[in-house]
Amino acid sequence: MKLAGGCHCGAVRYEVEGEPYTHALCHCSDCRRHAGAPMVGWTMYPQEALKVIKGVPKIYKSSENARRQFCSDCGTGLFYSNAKTLPDLIDIQSGTYDSPDEIPARVHIQIAERVQWMASAHELPEFDRYPPMEG
């Protein structure tokens, strides 16, 4: 399988080839704060499977061993690596794929840090676009 993706503004583009080890929805506070979202989807690959084909992501040292890469123009989070706990592996934010439906999520992780209302978020009303205006 070969997938392409990139940041919101298009300054950074990438390709990844092969099957991911997993697709996890992470609820940790680091991911939430970095993304400004209640959770972040990550697909994990061997480092060599990822090729940045346009632009150069900025690298942020988010802890002693963790590195988060993002577009320095628009701020889109792209990649995560940790040489100590995940040697030779790269996580790709699954929301940045051109075709994110190609790899369904497989697991929720770090739920000990999950925002509590996320446990029942699937029960909320749904709308194709926006809810009707009440007034």
C-alpha atoms as a PDB file:
ATOM      1  CA  MET A   1       0.000   0.000   0.000  1.00  0.00           C
ATOM      2  CA  LYS A   2       1.275   3.475  -0.876  1.00  0.00           C
ATOM      3  CA  LEU A   3      -0.304   6.582   0.630  1.00  0.00           C
ATOM      4  CA  ALA A   4       0.369  10.282   0.256  1.00  0.00           C
ATOM      5  CA  GLY A   5      -0.424  13.170   2.529  1.00  0.00           C
ATOM      6  CA  GLY A   6       0.664  16.537   3.753  1.00  0.00           C
ATOM      7  CA  CYS A   7      -0.028  19.614   5.759  1.00  0.00           C
ATOM      8  CA  HIS A   8      -2.983  21.994   5.448  1.00  0.00           C
ATOM      9  CA  CYS A   9      -1.182  24.589   3.310  1.00  0.00           C
ATOM     10  CA  GLY A  10       0.637  22.110   1.063  1.00  0.00           C
ATOM     11  CA  ALA A  11       4.174  23.225   1.973  1.00  0.00           C
ATOM     12  CA  VAL A  12       5.034  19.720   3.263  1.00  0.00           C
ATOM     13  CA  ARG A  13       4.089  16.572   1.349  1.00  0.00           C
ATOM     14  CA  TYR A  14       5.010  12.973   2.077  1.00  0.00           C
ATOM     15  CA  GLU A  15       4.539   9.404   0.882  1.00  0.00           C
ATOM     16  CA  VAL A  16       4.556   6.218   2.922  1.00  0.00           C
ATOM     17  CA  GLU A  17       4.737   2.705   1.547  1.00  0.00           C
ATOM     18  CA  GLY A  18       3.855  -0.598   3.186  1.00  0.00           C
ATOM     19  CA  GLU A  19       1.385  -1.759   5.784  1.00  0.00           C
ATOM     20  CA  PRO A  20       1.263   0.143   9.070  1.00  0.00           C
ATOM     21  CA  TYR A  21       1.952  -1.767  12.265  1.00  0.00           C
ATOM     22  CA  THR A  22      -1.145  -0.181  13.755  1.00  0.00           C
ATOM     23  CA  HIS A  23      -3.484   2.809  13.661  1.00  0.00           C
ATOM     24  CA  ALA A  24      -4.015   4.062  17.192  1.00  0.00           C
ATOM     25  CA  LEU A  25      -6.204   6.874  18.492  1.00  0.00           C
ATOM     26  CA  CYS A  26      -4.112   8.475  21.215  1.00  0.00           C
ATOM     27  CA  HIS A  27      -5.746  10.275  24.127  1.00  0.00           C
ATOM     28  CA  CYS A  28      -2.586  11.356  26.005  1.00  0.00           C
ATOM     29  CA  SER A  29      -2.291  14.925  27.207  1.00  0.00           C
ATOM     30  CA  ASP A  30       0.845  15.555  25.098  1.00  0.00           C
ATOM     31  CA  CYS A  31      -0.961  14.656  21.863  1.00  0.00           C
ATOM     32  CA  ARG A  32      -4.053  16.622  22.875  1.00  0.00           C
ATOM     33  CA  ARG A  33      -2.075  19.761  23.651  1.00  0.00           C
ATOM     34  CA  HIS A  34       0.122  19.524  20.570  1.00  0.00           C
ATOM     35  CA  ALA A  35      -2.840  19.028  18.238  1.00  0.00           C
ATOM     36  CA  GLY A  36      -5.415  21.126  20.077  1.00  0.00           C
ATOM     37  CA  ALA A  37      -7.814  18.196  19.723  1.00  0.00           C
ATOM     38  CA  PRO A  38      -9.328  15.658  22.149  1.00  0.00           C
ATOM     39  CA  MET A  39      -7.326  12.812  20.546  1.00  0.00           C
ATOM     40  CA  VAL A  40      -4.979  12.184  17.632  1.00  0.00           C
ATOM     41  CA  GLY A  41      -4.842   9.293  15.162  1.00  0.00           C
ATOM     42  CA  TRP A  42      -1.378   7.802  14.539  1.00  0.00           C
ATOM     43  CA  THR A  43      -0.267   5.159  12.046  1.00  0.00           C
ATOM     44  CA  MET A  44       3.063   3.505  12.868  1.00  0.00           C
ATOM     45  CA  TYR A  45       5.608   2.479  10.239  1.00  0.00           C
ATOM     46  CA  PRO A  46       9.294   1.643   9.999  1.00  0.00           C
ATOM     47  CA  GLN A  47      11.160   4.953   9.691  1.00  0.00           C
ATOM     48  CA  GLU A  48      12.419   4.069   6.191  1.00  0.00           C
ATOM     49  CA  ALA A  49       8.841   3.697   4.871  1.00  0.00           C
ATOM     50  CA  LEU A  50       8.325   7.473   5.088  1.00  0.00           C
ATOM     51  CA  LYS A  51       9.611   9.831   2.386  1.00  0.00           C
ATOM     52  CA  VAL A  52       9.115  13.587   2.651  1.00  0.00           C
ATOM     53  CA  ILE A  53       8.786  14.647  -0.980  1.00  0.00           C
ATOM     54  CA  LYS A  54       8.181  18.384  -0.567  1.00  0.00           C
ATOM     55  CA  GLY A  55       9.280  20.849   2.085  1.00  0.00           C
ATOM     56  CA  VAL A  56      11.062  20.319   5.369  1.00  0.00           C
ATOM     57  CA  PRO A  57       9.049  19.776   8.539  1.00  0.00           C
ATOM     58  CA  LYS A  58      10.150  21.655  11.640  1.00  0.00           C
ATOM     59  CA  ILE A  59      11.262  19.401  14.488  1.00  0.00           C
ATOM     60  CA  TYR A  60      10.072  20.097  18.022  1.00  0.00           C
ATOM     61  CA  LYS A  61      11.798  18.326  20.925  1.00  0.00           C
ATOM     62  CA  SER A  62       8.686  17.653  23.012  1.00  0.00           C
ATOM     63  CA  SER A  63      10.557  15.644  25.666  1.00  0.00           C
ATOM     64  CA  GLU A  64      14.023  14.181  26.209  1.00  0.00           C
ATOM     65  CA  ASN A  65      13.555  11.478  23.540  1.00  0.00           C
ATOM     66  CA  ALA A  66      10.385  12.495  21.670  1.00  0.00           C
ATOM     67  CA  ARG A  67      10.376  14.522  18.475  1.00  0.00           C
ATOM     68  CA  ARG A  68       7.266  15.971  16.879  1.00  0.00           C
ATOM     69  CA  GLN A  69       7.438  17.263  13.315  1.00  0.00           C
ATOM     70  CA  PHE A  70       5.068  19.849  11.893  1.00  0.00           C
ATOM     71  CA  CYS A  71       4.723  22.371   9.084  1.00  0.00           C
ATOM     72  CA  SER A  72       6.363  25.634  10.121  1.00  0.00           C
ATOM     73  CA  ASP A  73       4.024  27.572   7.800  1.00  0.00           C
ATOM     74  CA  CYS A  74       0.554  26.341   8.823  1.00  0.00           C
ATOM     75  CA  GLY A  75       1.302  24.398  12.026  1.00  0.00           C
ATOM     76  CA  THR A  76      -0.126  21.041  10.937  1.00  0.00           C
ATOM     77  CA  GLY A  77       1.278  18.202  13.051  1.00  0.00           C
ATOM     78  CA  LEU A  78       2.702  15.429  10.867  1.00  0.00           C
ATOM     79  CA  PHE A  79       5.096  12.952  12.507  1.00  0.00           C
ATOM     80  CA  TYR A  80       6.196  11.647  15.914  1.00  0.00           C
ATOM     81  CA  SER A  81       9.268   9.645  16.837  1.00  0.00           C
ATOM     82  CA  ASN A  82      10.920   8.505  20.054  1.00  0.00           C
ATOM     83  CA  ALA A  83      14.358   6.930  19.643  1.00  0.00           C
ATOM     84  CA  LYS A  84      14.238   5.330  23.095  1.00  0.00           C
ATOM     85  CA  THR A  85      10.750   3.781  23.274  1.00  0.00           C
ATOM     86  CA  LEU A  86      10.062   3.369  19.528  1.00  0.00           C
ATOM     87  CA  PRO A  87      13.490   2.909  17.879  1.00  0.00           C
ATOM     88  CA  ASP A  88      13.503   3.077  14.063  1.00  0.00           C
ATOM     89  CA  LEU A  89       9.738   3.731  13.991  1.00  0.00           C
ATOM     90  CA  ILE A  90       7.729   6.772  12.895  1.00  0.00           C
ATOM     91  CA  ASP A  91       4.147   7.692  13.679  1.00  0.00           C
ATOM     92  CA  ILE A  92       2.216   9.631  11.042  1.00  0.00           C
ATOM     93  CA  GLN A  93      -0.845  11.674  11.994  1.00  0.00           C
ATOM     94  CA  SER A  94      -3.558   9.800  10.122  1.00  0.00           C
ATOM     95  CA  GLY A  95      -5.686  12.900   9.631  1.00  0.00           C
ATOM     96  CA  THR A  96      -3.019  14.255   7.239  1.00  0.00           C
ATOM     97  CA  TYR A  97      -3.427  11.484   4.635  1.00  0.00           C
ATOM     98  CA  ASP A  98      -5.051  12.453   1.351  1.00  0.00           C
ATOM     99  CA  SER A  99      -7.209   9.314   1.784  1.00  0.00           C
ATOM    100  CA  PRO A 100      -7.526   8.745   5.552  1.00  0.00           C
ATOM    101  CA  ASP A 101     -10.252   6.112   5.101  1.00  0.00           C
ATOM    102  CA  GLU A 102      -7.657   3.715   3.625  1.00  0.00           C
ATOM    103  CA  ILE A 103      -6.422   2.700   7.092  1.00  0.00           C
ATOM    104  CA  PRO A 104      -9.178   2.228   9.691  1.00  0.00           C
ATOM    105  CA  ALA A 105      -8.307   2.884  13.329  1.00  0.00           C
ATOM    106  CA  ARG A 106      -7.604  -0.284  15.319  1.00  0.00           C
ATOM    107  CA  VAL A 107      -7.238   0.764  18.953  1.00  0.00           C
ATOM    108  CA  HIS A 108      -7.637   3.567  21.505  1.00  0.00           C
ATOM    109  CA  ILE A 109      -4.497   4.179  23.573  1.00  0.00           C
ATOM    110  CA  GLN A 110      -3.590   6.248  26.625  1.00  0.00           C
ATOM    111  CA  ILE A 111      -7.229   6.279  27.779  1.00  0.00           C
ATOM    112  CA  ALA A 112      -6.022   6.852  31.355  1.00  0.00           C
ATOM    113  CA  GLU A 113      -5.536  10.468  30.210  1.00  0.00           C
ATOM    114  CA  ARG A 114      -8.660  10.639  28.027  1.00  0.00           C
ATOM    115  CA  VAL A 115     -10.950  13.648  28.325  1.00  0.00           C
ATOM    116  CA  GLN A 116     -13.874  12.014  30.122  1.00  0.00           C
ATOM    117  CA  TRP A 117     -16.589  13.190  27.728  1.00  0.00           C
ATOM    118  CA  MET A 118     -14.779  11.415  24.869  1.00  0.00           C
ATOM    119  CA  ALA A 119     -15.883   8.068  26.343  1.00  0.00           C
ATOM    120  CA  SER A 120     -19.443   8.801  25.208  1.00  0.00           C
ATOM    121  CA  ALA A 121     -18.780  11.146  22.258  1.00  0.00           C
ATOM    122  CA  HIS A 122     -20.129   8.506  19.842  1.00  0.00           C
ATOM    123  CA  GLU A 123     -23.577   9.020  21.440  1.00  0.00           C
ATOM    124  CA  LEU A 124     -23.836  12.716  20.488  1.00  0.00           C
ATOM    125  CA  PRO A 125     -26.258  13.859  17.757  1.00  0.00           C
ATOM    126  CA  GLU A 126     -24.780  13.828  14.248  1.00  0.00           C
ATOM    127  CA  PHE A 127     -25.225  16.190  11.286  1.00  0.00           C
ATOM    128  CA  ASP A 128     -23.859  15.984   7.727  1.00  0.00           C
ATOM    129  CA  ARG A 129     -22.684  19.590   8.038  1.00  0.00           C
ATOM    130  CA  TYR A 130     -23.966  21.982  10.742  1.00  0.00           C
ATOM    131  CA  PRO A 131     -26.924  21.604  13.097  1.00  0.00           C
ATOM    132  CA  PRO A 132     -30.013  23.676  12.317  1.00  0.00           C
ATOM    133  CA  MET A 133     -29.972  27.152  13.822  1.00  0.00           C
ATOM    134  CA  GLU A 134     -32.247  27.439  16.825  1.00  0.00           C
ATOM    135  CA  GLY A 135     -33.797  30.724  17.490  1.00  0.00           C
END
